Amino acid sequence: MNRSLRIVAVTAGLLAGGALAGALAADAAILIVTTVDGSGVPLRWDALGFVAAVGALFGGVLLPVTAWLFLRRVPLGLALLGTVLGTIVGAVLGWTSTIMLGGGEVAVMQNGLVGAFVGFACAALLLRLRASAPRVRHPVPTRG
């Protein structure tokens, strides 16, 4: 397989993986928020679908761009898992902070999205710093 075809294949895989991970992260975050909220309001299927679609859209764009430009030295599995966890934590914090402060539905959606993006970016930054940190070599003890 030539280099160009390999790059296209990896990018397509990152796009599909990012879209799936974004959808799952968005739904996981909204399920966590509605469980913790305790308001007793049932979650509608169309809300899950909408949140998953938005998560898939952003994940399908952000993961390939971030992986190619920012996380080249991070293993793909770790990059995917780390950014998904960061996205979930950020979205949950964005949503719950708005709910606790009494924001409307639009503010909840906006802050959830902003929180998800900030969580993704923080996770990517931590992964980048971890991957670029110099390796510390410990001396091997010798018998004397």
N, C-alpha and C. Protein backbone atom coordinates (compact mmCIF):
# COMPACT_ATOMS: atom_id res chain seq x y z
N MET A 1 0.86 -1.18 0.00
CA MET A 1 0.00 0.00 0.00
C MET A 1 0.90 1.24 0.00
N ASN A 2 0.62 2.17 -0.90
CA ASN A 2 1.47 3.36 -0.94
C ASN A 2 1.12 4.32 0.20
N ARG A 3 1.97 5.27 0.41
CA ARG A 3 1.87 6.19 1.55
C ARG A 3 0.58 7.00 1.52
N SER A 4 0.20 7.53 0.37
CA SER A 4 -1.00 8.36 0.27
C SER A 4 -2.26 7.57 0.61
N LEU A 5 -2.33 6.35 0.11
CA LEU A 5 -3.49 5.52 0.38
C LEU A 5 -3.56 5.16 1.87
N ARG A 6 -2.42 4.92 2.48
CA ARG A 6 -2.37 4.62 3.91
C ARG A 6 -2.83 5.82 4.73
N ILE A 7 -2.44 7.03 4.34
CA ILE A 7 -2.86 8.24 5.04
C ILE A 7 -4.37 8.42 4.93
N VAL A 8 -4.92 8.19 3.75
CA VAL A 8 -6.37 8.31 3.55
C VAL A 8 -7.10 7.26 4.39
N ALA A 9 -6.60 6.05 4.43
CA ALA A 9 -7.24 4.99 5.21
C ALA A 9 -7.21 5.30 6.70
N VAL A 10 -6.08 5.77 7.20
CA VAL A 10 -5.99 6.11 8.61
C VAL A 10 -6.91 7.29 8.94
N THR A 11 -6.95 8.29 8.07
CA THR A 11 -7.82 9.44 8.30
C THR A 11 -9.29 9.03 8.30
N ALA A 12 -9.66 8.16 7.37
CA ALA A 12 -11.05 7.67 7.34
C ALA A 12 -11.38 6.89 8.61
N GLY A 13 -10.44 6.10 9.07
CA GLY A 13 -10.64 5.38 10.32
C GLY A 13 -10.77 6.31 11.51
N LEU A 14 -9.95 7.35 11.55
CA LEU A 14 -10.03 8.34 12.62
C LEU A 14 -11.35 9.08 12.57
N LEU A 15 -11.81 9.40 11.37
CA LEU A 15 -13.09 10.10 11.22
C LEU A 15 -14.23 9.22 11.74
N ALA A 16 -14.27 7.96 11.31
CA ALA A 16 -15.33 7.06 11.75
C ALA A 16 -15.24 6.79 13.26
N GLY A 17 -14.03 6.54 13.73
CA GLY A 17 -13.85 6.30 15.16
C GLY A 17 -14.19 7.52 15.99
N GLY A 18 -13.81 8.70 15.50
CA GLY A 18 -14.12 9.94 16.21
C GLY A 18 -15.61 10.21 16.25
N ALA A 19 -16.30 9.92 15.14
CA ALA A 19 -17.75 10.12 15.10
C ALA A 19 -18.45 9.17 16.08
N LEU A 20 -18.05 7.92 16.08
CA LEU A 20 -18.65 6.95 16.99
C LEU A 20 -18.34 7.31 18.44
N ALA A 21 -17.09 7.64 18.71
CA ALA A 21 -16.70 8.01 20.08
C ALA A 21 -17.39 9.28 20.53
N GLY A 22 -17.54 10.25 19.63
CA GLY A 22 -18.24 11.49 19.98
C GLY A 22 -19.70 11.25 20.31
N ALA A 23 -20.35 10.38 19.54
CA ALA A 23 -21.75 10.05 19.80
C ALA A 23 -21.90 9.34 21.14
N LEU A 24 -21.02 8.37 21.39
CA LEU A 24 -21.09 7.64 22.65
C LEU A 24 -20.76 8.53 23.85
N ALA A 25 -19.78 9.40 23.69
CA ALA A 25 -19.40 10.31 24.78
C ALA A 25 -20.54 11.27 25.09
N ALA A 26 -21.19 11.79 24.06
CA ALA A 26 -22.29 12.73 24.28
C ALA A 26 -23.46 12.04 24.99
N ASP A 27 -23.81 10.84 24.54
CA ASP A 27 -24.90 10.14 25.20
C ASP A 27 -24.53 9.72 26.61
N ALA A 28 -23.30 9.29 26.83
CA ALA A 28 -22.85 8.93 28.18
C ALA A 28 -22.96 10.14 29.11
N ALA A 29 -22.53 11.29 28.61
CA ALA A 29 -22.57 12.50 29.45
C ALA A 29 -24.00 12.88 29.80
N ILE A 30 -24.90 12.84 28.82
CA ILE A 30 -26.28 13.24 29.12
C ILE A 30 -26.95 12.22 30.03
N LEU A 31 -26.61 10.95 29.89
CA LEU A 31 -27.17 9.94 30.80
C LEU A 31 -26.65 10.14 32.22
N ILE A 32 -25.39 10.48 32.36
CA ILE A 32 -24.83 10.76 33.69
C ILE A 32 -25.53 11.96 34.31
N VAL A 33 -25.69 13.01 33.52
CA VAL A 33 -26.31 14.23 34.04
C VAL A 33 -27.75 13.98 34.46
N THR A 34 -28.52 13.29 33.64
CA THR A 34 -29.92 13.06 34.00
C THR A 34 -30.05 12.10 35.19
N THR A 35 -29.10 11.20 35.35
CA THR A 35 -29.12 10.31 36.50
C THR A 35 -28.79 11.06 37.78
N VAL A 36 -27.77 11.90 37.71
CA VAL A 36 -27.33 12.66 38.88
C VAL A 36 -28.32 13.78 39.22
N ASP A 37 -28.95 14.34 38.21
CA ASP A 37 -29.87 15.47 38.39
C ASP A 37 -31.00 15.09 39.35
N GLY A 38 -31.55 13.92 39.19
CA GLY A 38 -32.59 13.45 40.10
C GLY A 38 -33.90 14.19 39.99
N SER A 39 -34.13 14.90 38.90
CA SER A 39 -35.39 15.65 38.76
C SER A 39 -36.56 14.74 38.43
N GLY A 40 -36.26 13.52 38.02
CA GLY A 40 -37.33 12.59 37.70
C GLY A 40 -37.91 12.78 36.31
N VAL A 41 -37.37 13.71 35.55
CA VAL A 41 -37.85 13.94 34.19
C VAL A 41 -37.25 12.86 33.30
N PRO A 42 -38.08 12.06 32.62
CA PRO A 42 -37.53 11.00 31.78
C PRO A 42 -36.81 11.57 30.56
N LEU A 43 -35.75 10.91 30.16
CA LEU A 43 -34.97 11.33 29.00
C LEU A 43 -35.65 10.80 27.74
N ARG A 44 -35.86 11.67 26.79
CA ARG A 44 -36.53 11.28 25.55
C ARG A 44 -35.51 10.74 24.55
N TRP A 45 -35.95 9.78 23.72
CA TRP A 45 -35.09 9.17 22.71
C TRP A 45 -34.62 10.20 21.69
N ASP A 46 -35.47 11.16 21.33
CA ASP A 46 -35.06 12.16 20.34
C ASP A 46 -33.95 13.05 20.90
N ALA A 47 -33.95 13.28 22.22
CA ALA A 47 -32.88 14.06 22.84
C ALA A 47 -31.56 13.30 22.76
N LEU A 48 -31.62 11.98 23.04
CA LEU A 48 -30.41 11.17 22.93
C LEU A 48 -29.89 11.16 21.49
N GLY A 49 -30.80 11.06 20.54
CA GLY A 49 -30.40 11.06 19.14
C GLY A 49 -29.77 12.38 18.72
N PHE A 50 -30.36 13.48 19.16
CA PHE A 50 -29.82 14.80 18.81
C PHE A 50 -28.44 14.99 19.41
N VAL A 51 -28.30 14.66 20.70
CA VAL A 51 -27.01 14.81 21.37
C VAL A 51 -25.96 13.91 20.73
N ALA A 52 -26.35 12.69 20.36
CA ALA A 52 -25.42 11.78 19.71
C ALA A 52 -24.98 12.31 18.34
N ALA A 53 -25.92 12.91 17.60
CA ALA A 53 -25.59 13.46 16.28
C ALA A 53 -24.60 14.62 16.41
N VAL A 54 -24.83 15.49 17.39
CA VAL A 54 -23.90 16.61 17.60
C VAL A 54 -22.54 16.08 18.03
N GLY A 55 -22.53 15.11 18.94
CA GLY A 55 -21.26 14.51 19.37
C GLY A 55 -20.52 13.85 18.23
N ALA A 56 -21.26 13.16 17.35
CA ALA A 56 -20.65 12.49 16.20
C ALA A 56 -20.06 13.52 15.24
N LEU A 57 -20.76 14.60 15.03
CA LEU A 57 -20.27 15.65 14.13
C LEU A 57 -18.95 16.23 14.64
N PHE A 58 -18.93 16.60 15.91
CA PHE A 58 -17.71 17.19 16.46
C PHE A 58 -16.60 16.15 16.60
N GLY A 59 -16.93 14.94 17.04
CA GLY A 59 -15.92 13.89 17.19
C GLY A 59 -15.30 13.50 15.86
N GLY A 60 -16.13 13.46 14.80
CA GLY A 60 -15.63 13.10 13.48
C GLY A 60 -14.68 14.12 12.89
N VAL A 61 -14.78 15.35 13.36
CA VAL A 61 -13.88 16.41 12.88
C VAL A 61 -12.68 16.56 13.83
N LEU A 62 -12.97 16.62 15.12
CA LEU A 62 -11.91 16.93 16.08
C LEU A 62 -10.88 15.82 16.24
N LEU A 63 -11.31 14.55 16.27
CA LEU A 63 -10.33 13.49 16.48
C LEU A 63 -9.31 13.39 15.36
N PRO A 64 -9.72 13.35 14.08
CA PRO A 64 -8.68 13.27 13.04
C PRO A 64 -7.74 14.46 13.03
N VAL A 65 -8.29 15.66 13.18
CA VAL A 65 -7.44 16.86 13.17
C VAL A 65 -6.47 16.83 14.34
N THR A 66 -6.99 16.52 15.53
CA THR A 66 -6.14 16.50 16.72
C THR A 66 -5.11 15.39 16.65
N ALA A 67 -5.52 14.23 16.17
CA ALA A 67 -4.59 13.10 16.10
C ALA A 67 -3.45 13.39 15.13
N TRP A 68 -3.76 13.94 13.97
CA TRP A 68 -2.71 14.20 12.97
C TRP A 68 -1.82 15.37 13.34
N LEU A 69 -2.39 16.42 13.91
CA LEU A 69 -1.60 17.63 14.15
C LEU A 69 -1.01 17.71 15.55
N PHE A 70 -1.64 17.09 16.52
CA PHE A 70 -1.28 17.34 17.91
C PHE A 70 -0.85 16.09 18.66
N LEU A 71 -1.38 14.94 18.28
CA LEU A 71 -1.13 13.71 19.05
C LEU A 71 -0.42 12.64 18.23
N ARG A 72 0.49 13.04 17.39
CA ARG A 72 1.16 12.07 16.50
C ARG A 72 1.97 11.02 17.26
N ARG A 73 2.49 11.37 18.43
CA ARG A 73 3.31 10.42 19.18
C ARG A 73 2.51 9.65 20.23
N VAL A 74 1.20 9.87 20.29
CA VAL A 74 0.34 9.18 21.24
C VAL A 74 -0.30 7.99 20.54
N PRO A 75 -0.27 6.80 21.15
CA PRO A 75 -0.95 5.65 20.53
C PRO A 75 -2.43 5.96 20.30
N LEU A 76 -2.96 5.48 19.17
CA LEU A 76 -4.34 5.83 18.79
C LEU A 76 -5.36 5.43 19.84
N GLY A 77 -5.22 4.26 20.41
CA GLY A 77 -6.16 3.81 21.43
C GLY A 77 -6.17 4.72 22.64
N LEU A 78 -4.98 5.12 23.07
CA LEU A 78 -4.87 6.03 24.21
C LEU A 78 -5.43 7.41 23.86
N ALA A 79 -5.16 7.88 22.65
CA ALA A 79 -5.70 9.18 22.22
C ALA A 79 -7.22 9.14 22.20
N LEU A 80 -7.79 8.07 21.69
CA LEU A 80 -9.24 7.95 21.62
C LEU A 80 -9.85 7.86 23.02
N LEU A 81 -9.33 6.98 23.85
CA LEU A 81 -9.86 6.81 25.20
C LEU A 81 -9.69 8.08 26.04
N GLY A 82 -8.53 8.68 25.98
CA GLY A 82 -8.28 9.88 26.77
C GLY A 82 -9.17 11.04 26.39
N THR A 83 -9.33 11.27 25.09
CA THR A 83 -10.18 12.39 24.67
C THR A 83 -11.65 12.11 24.93
N VAL A 84 -12.07 10.84 24.84
CA VAL A 84 -13.47 10.51 25.16
C VAL A 84 -13.74 10.78 26.64
N LEU A 85 -12.85 10.34 27.50
CA LEU A 85 -13.05 10.59 28.94
C LEU A 85 -13.04 12.08 29.25
N GLY A 86 -12.12 12.81 28.65
CA GLY A 86 -12.09 14.26 28.85
C GLY A 86 -13.36 14.94 28.36
N THR A 87 -13.88 14.48 27.23
CA THR A 87 -15.10 15.03 26.68
C THR A 87 -16.28 14.78 27.62
N ILE A 88 -16.38 13.57 28.13
CA ILE A 88 -17.49 13.23 29.04
C ILE A 88 -17.42 14.08 30.30
N VAL A 89 -16.25 14.15 30.90
CA VAL A 89 -16.10 14.93 32.14
C VAL A 89 -16.42 16.41 31.88
N GLY A 90 -15.91 16.96 30.79
CA GLY A 90 -16.19 18.36 30.48
C GLY A 90 -17.66 18.63 30.23
N ALA A 91 -18.31 17.75 29.48
CA ALA A 91 -19.73 17.94 29.20
C ALA A 91 -20.57 17.84 30.47
N VAL A 92 -20.26 16.86 31.30
CA VAL A 92 -21.01 16.71 32.56
C VAL A 92 -20.84 17.94 33.43
N LEU A 93 -19.61 18.43 33.54
CA LEU A 93 -19.38 19.65 34.34
C LEU A 93 -20.09 20.86 33.75
N GLY A 94 -20.06 20.99 32.42
CA GLY A 94 -20.76 22.12 31.78
C GLY A 94 -22.25 22.06 31.99
N TRP A 95 -22.83 20.88 31.80
CA TRP A 95 -24.28 20.74 31.97
C TRP A 95 -24.70 20.93 33.42
N THR A 96 -24.02 20.25 34.33
CA THR A 96 -24.45 20.33 35.73
C THR A 96 -24.25 21.73 36.31
N SER A 97 -23.20 22.41 35.92
CA SER A 97 -23.02 23.77 36.44
C SER A 97 -24.14 24.68 35.99
N THR A 98 -24.60 24.52 34.76
CA THR A 98 -25.69 25.36 34.26
C THR A 98 -27.01 24.99 34.93
N ILE A 99 -27.24 23.70 35.13
CA ILE A 99 -28.47 23.26 35.80
C ILE A 99 -28.50 23.79 37.23
N MET A 100 -27.36 23.71 37.92
CA MET A 100 -27.31 24.17 39.31
C MET A 100 -27.50 25.68 39.41
N LEU A 101 -27.06 26.41 38.39
CA LEU A 101 -27.20 27.87 38.41
C LEU A 101 -28.55 28.33 37.86
N GLY A 102 -29.35 27.39 37.40
CA GLY A 102 -30.69 27.73 36.96
C GLY A 102 -30.76 28.26 35.54
N GLY A 103 -29.90 27.82 34.65
CA GLY A 103 -29.95 28.26 33.27
C GLY A 103 -31.06 27.57 32.50
N GLY A 104 -31.48 28.16 31.41
CA GLY A 104 -32.52 27.58 30.56
C GLY A 104 -31.97 26.47 29.70
N GLU A 105 -32.85 25.89 28.87
CA GLU A 105 -32.45 24.76 28.03
C GLU A 105 -31.34 25.13 27.05
N VAL A 106 -31.41 26.32 26.48
CA VAL A 106 -30.39 26.73 25.51
C VAL A 106 -29.04 26.88 26.21
N ALA A 107 -29.03 27.48 27.40
CA ALA A 107 -27.79 27.64 28.15
C ALA A 107 -27.21 26.29 28.54
N VAL A 108 -28.08 25.35 28.90
CA VAL A 108 -27.60 24.01 29.26
C VAL A 108 -26.92 23.36 28.07
N MET A 109 -27.53 23.45 26.90
CA MET A 109 -26.94 22.85 25.70
C MET A 109 -25.62 23.53 25.34
N GLN A 110 -25.60 24.86 25.38
CA GLN A 110 -24.38 25.58 25.03
C GLN A 110 -23.25 25.24 26.00
N ASN A 111 -23.53 25.26 27.28
CA ASN A 111 -22.48 25.00 28.26
C ASN A 111 -22.04 23.54 28.25
N GLY A 112 -22.96 22.64 27.92
CA GLY A 112 -22.57 21.24 27.77
C GLY A 112 -21.61 21.08 26.60
N LEU A 113 -21.89 21.76 25.50
CA LEU A 113 -21.04 21.69 24.32
C LEU A 113 -19.68 22.34 24.58
N VAL A 114 -19.70 23.50 25.21
CA VAL A 114 -18.44 24.17 25.55
C VAL A 114 -17.63 23.33 26.53
N GLY A 115 -18.30 22.76 27.52
CA GLY A 115 -17.62 21.91 28.49
C GLY A 115 -17.00 20.69 27.82
N ALA A 116 -17.74 20.09 26.88
CA ALA A 116 -17.23 18.92 26.15
C ALA A 116 -15.98 19.29 25.36
N PHE A 117 -16.01 20.44 24.69
CA PHE A 117 -14.86 20.87 23.90
C PHE A 117 -13.66 21.17 24.81
N VAL A 118 -13.90 21.84 25.92
CA VAL A 118 -12.80 22.16 26.85
C VAL A 118 -12.23 20.86 27.44
N GLY A 119 -13.10 19.92 27.78
CA GLY A 119 -12.63 18.63 28.29
C GLY A 119 -11.80 17.88 27.27
N PHE A 120 -12.26 17.89 26.01
CA PHE A 120 -11.50 17.26 24.92
C PHE A 120 -10.13 17.91 24.77
N ALA A 121 -10.11 19.25 24.76
CA ALA A 121 -8.86 19.97 24.57
C ALA A 121 -7.90 19.74 25.74
N CYS A 122 -8.40 19.73 26.97
CA CYS A 122 -7.54 19.48 28.13
C CYS A 122 -6.97 18.07 28.09
N ALA A 123 -7.80 17.10 27.72
CA ALA A 123 -7.32 15.72 27.62
C ALA A 123 -6.24 15.61 26.54
N ALA A 124 -6.48 16.24 25.41
CA ALA A 124 -5.49 16.20 24.32
C ALA A 124 -4.18 16.86 24.76
N LEU A 125 -4.28 17.96 25.48
CA LEU A 125 -3.07 18.63 25.97
C LEU A 125 -2.31 17.75 26.95
N LEU A 126 -3.01 17.11 27.87
CA LEU A 126 -2.34 16.22 28.82
C LEU A 126 -1.69 15.04 28.10
N LEU A 127 -2.38 14.48 27.11
CA LEU A 127 -1.79 13.38 26.34
C LEU A 127 -0.55 13.84 25.59
N ARG A 128 -0.61 15.02 25.03
CA ARG A 128 0.54 15.56 24.29
C ARG A 128 1.73 15.78 25.23
N LEU A 129 1.46 16.36 26.39
CA LEU A 129 2.54 16.60 27.35
C LEU A 129 3.14 15.28 27.83
N ARG A 130 2.30 14.29 28.05
CA ARG A 130 2.77 12.99 28.50
C ARG A 130 3.64 12.33 27.42
N ALA A 131 3.22 12.45 26.18
CA ALA A 131 3.96 11.82 25.08
C ALA A 131 5.27 12.54 24.79
N SER A 132 5.32 13.84 25.04
CA SER A 132 6.53 14.60 24.70
C SER A 132 7.48 14.74 25.89
N ALA A 133 7.08 14.25 27.05
CA ALA A 133 7.96 14.35 28.22
C ALA A 133 9.18 13.46 28.01
N PRO A 134 10.34 13.95 28.43
CA PRO A 134 11.54 13.12 28.26
C PRO A 134 11.44 11.86 29.10
N ARG A 135 11.93 10.79 28.56
CA ARG A 135 11.92 9.50 29.26
C ARG A 135 13.01 9.50 30.32
N VAL A 136 12.65 9.12 31.52
CA VAL A 136 13.62 9.04 32.61
C VAL A 136 14.12 7.61 32.67
N ARG A 137 15.41 7.48 32.57
CA ARG A 137 16.01 6.14 32.64
C ARG A 137 16.60 5.95 34.03
N HIS A 138 16.17 4.90 34.65
CA HIS A 138 16.68 4.59 35.98
C HIS A 138 17.88 3.68 35.82
N PRO A 139 18.94 3.96 36.54
CA PRO A 139 20.13 3.10 36.42
C PRO A 139 19.83 1.70 36.94
N VAL A 140 20.40 0.75 36.26
CA VAL A 140 20.25 -0.65 36.66
C VAL A 140 21.25 -0.92 37.76
N PRO A 141 20.77 -1.44 38.89
CA PRO A 141 21.73 -1.71 39.99
C PRO A 141 22.70 -2.83 39.58
N THR A 142 23.91 -2.62 39.95
CA THR A 142 24.94 -3.61 39.62
C THR A 142 25.35 -4.33 40.89
N ARG A 143 25.76 -5.54 40.72
CA ARG A 143 26.23 -6.31 41.88
C ARG A 143 27.67 -5.92 42.17
N GLY A 144 27.95 -5.66 43.37
CA GLY A 144 29.28 -5.18 43.68
C GLY A 144 29.98 -5.88 44.70
